[in-house]
Amino acid sequence: MARKRFTSEKIIQLLREVEIHLAQGLTVEQASRQIGVTVQTYYRWRKEFGGLSVAQAKKLKELEKENSRLKKLVADLSLDNAVLKDFAAGNS
């Protein structure tokens, strides 16, 4: 898996920089080039982090991590349940 280059806090900071550059009259292409990302990356970041503050981004990251952990637990428990049902059906 590829390593992420920017943290969510850094992405929010860079998005604010782009907003400043756009207010100064630069195009999106010029502004994204100044922060060192492609236009596609800028639009993807804006879609994901556009209205978030740094605190909200940290909370979102924590919730995503917790959600991932819980999904793994559910998968493990479902597998255990299926094994127990198979075992119980074999003993009958």
Protein backbone atom coordinates (compact mmCIF):
# COMPACT_ATOMS: atom_id res chain seq x y z
CA MET A 1 0.00 0.00 0.00
CA ALA A 2 1.28 3.45 -0.87
CA ARG A 3 2.31 5.72 1.97
CA LYS A 4 0.37 8.95 2.26
CA ARG A 5 2.48 12.01 1.77
CA PHE A 6 0.31 14.49 3.66
CA THR A 7 -1.57 14.26 6.95
CA SER A 8 -5.17 15.41 7.09
CA GLU A 9 -4.09 18.46 9.09
CA LYS A 10 -1.54 19.38 6.43
CA ILE A 11 -4.11 18.88 3.68
CA ILE A 12 -6.50 21.30 5.38
CA GLN A 13 -3.69 23.84 5.70
CA LEU A 14 -2.84 23.46 2.00
CA LEU A 15 -6.49 23.85 1.03
CA ARG A 16 -6.58 27.14 2.94
CA GLU A 17 -3.46 28.25 1.05
CA VAL A 18 -5.16 27.49 -2.26
CA GLU A 19 -8.18 29.53 -1.17
CA ILE A 20 -5.86 32.48 -0.51
CA HIS A 21 -4.18 32.07 -3.89
CA LEU A 22 -7.55 31.90 -5.62
CA ALA A 23 -8.67 35.07 -3.84
CA GLN A 24 -5.53 36.76 -5.15
CA GLY A 25 -6.62 35.96 -8.70
CA LEU A 26 -4.62 32.83 -9.52
CA THR A 27 -6.24 29.96 -11.39
CA VAL A 28 -6.78 26.58 -9.77
CA GLU A 29 -3.94 25.15 -11.87
CA GLN A 30 -1.51 27.84 -10.73
CA ALA A 31 -2.58 27.62 -7.09
CA SER A 32 -2.31 23.83 -6.97
CA ARG A 33 1.10 23.99 -8.64
CA GLN A 34 2.25 26.40 -5.92
CA ILE A 35 1.37 23.94 -3.16
CA GLY A 36 2.93 21.06 -5.09
CA VAL A 37 -0.07 18.90 -6.01
CA THR A 38 -2.01 18.17 -9.17
CA VAL A 39 -5.35 19.74 -9.94
CA GLN A 40 -7.03 16.34 -9.55
CA THR A 41 -5.51 15.95 -6.09
CA TYR A 42 -6.71 19.42 -5.12
CA TYR A 43 -10.29 18.62 -6.17
CA ARG A 44 -10.18 15.23 -4.41
CA TRP A 45 -8.91 16.87 -1.22
CA ARG A 46 -11.50 19.62 -1.48
CA LYS A 47 -14.27 17.04 -1.83
CA GLU A 48 -13.05 15.11 1.22
CA PHE A 49 -11.73 17.86 3.53
CA GLY A 50 -13.25 21.07 2.13
CA GLY A 51 -15.40 22.15 5.04
CA LEU A 52 -13.48 20.55 7.89
CA SER A 53 -11.45 22.18 10.60
CA VAL A 54 -8.30 20.53 11.93
CA ALA A 55 -10.14 19.28 15.02
CA GLN A 56 -12.89 17.78 12.88
CA ALA A 57 -10.31 16.08 10.65
CA LYS A 58 -8.64 14.51 13.69
CA LYS A 59 -12.01 13.28 14.94
CA LEU A 60 -12.84 11.87 11.49
CA LYS A 61 -9.51 10.01 11.41
CA GLU A 62 -10.18 8.52 14.87
CA LEU A 63 -13.69 7.45 13.87
CA GLU A 64 -12.42 5.81 10.67
CA LYS A 65 -9.81 3.90 12.67
CA GLU A 66 -12.43 2.76 15.21
CA ASN A 67 -14.80 1.75 12.41
CA SER A 68 -12.08 -0.36 10.81
CA ARG A 69 -11.35 -2.07 14.12
CA LEU A 70 -15.02 -2.83 14.68
CA LYS A 71 -15.43 -4.24 11.16
CA LYS A 72 -12.55 -6.64 11.81
CA LEU A 73 -14.16 -7.74 15.08
CA VAL A 74 -17.48 -8.41 13.36
CA ALA A 75 -15.74 -10.42 10.63
CA ASP A 76 -13.88 -12.51 13.23
CA LEU A 77 -17.04 -13.15 15.24
CA SER A 78 -19.00 -14.08 12.13
CA LEU A 79 -16.33 -16.59 11.16
CA ASP A 80 -16.31 -18.07 14.67
CA ASN A 81 -20.10 -18.33 14.58
CA ALA A 82 -20.03 -20.10 11.22
CA VAL A 83 -17.41 -22.58 12.45
CA LEU A 84 -19.45 -23.33 15.58
CA LYS A 85 -22.61 -23.90 13.52
CA ASP A 86 -20.75 -26.28 11.20
CA PHE A 87 -19.33 -28.13 14.18
CA ALA A 88 -22.72 -28.38 15.87
CA ALA A 89 -24.33 -29.64 12.65
CA GLY A 90 -21.66 -32.34 12.34
CA ASN A 91 -22.28 -33.68 15.86
CA SER A 92 -26.00 -34.31 15.32
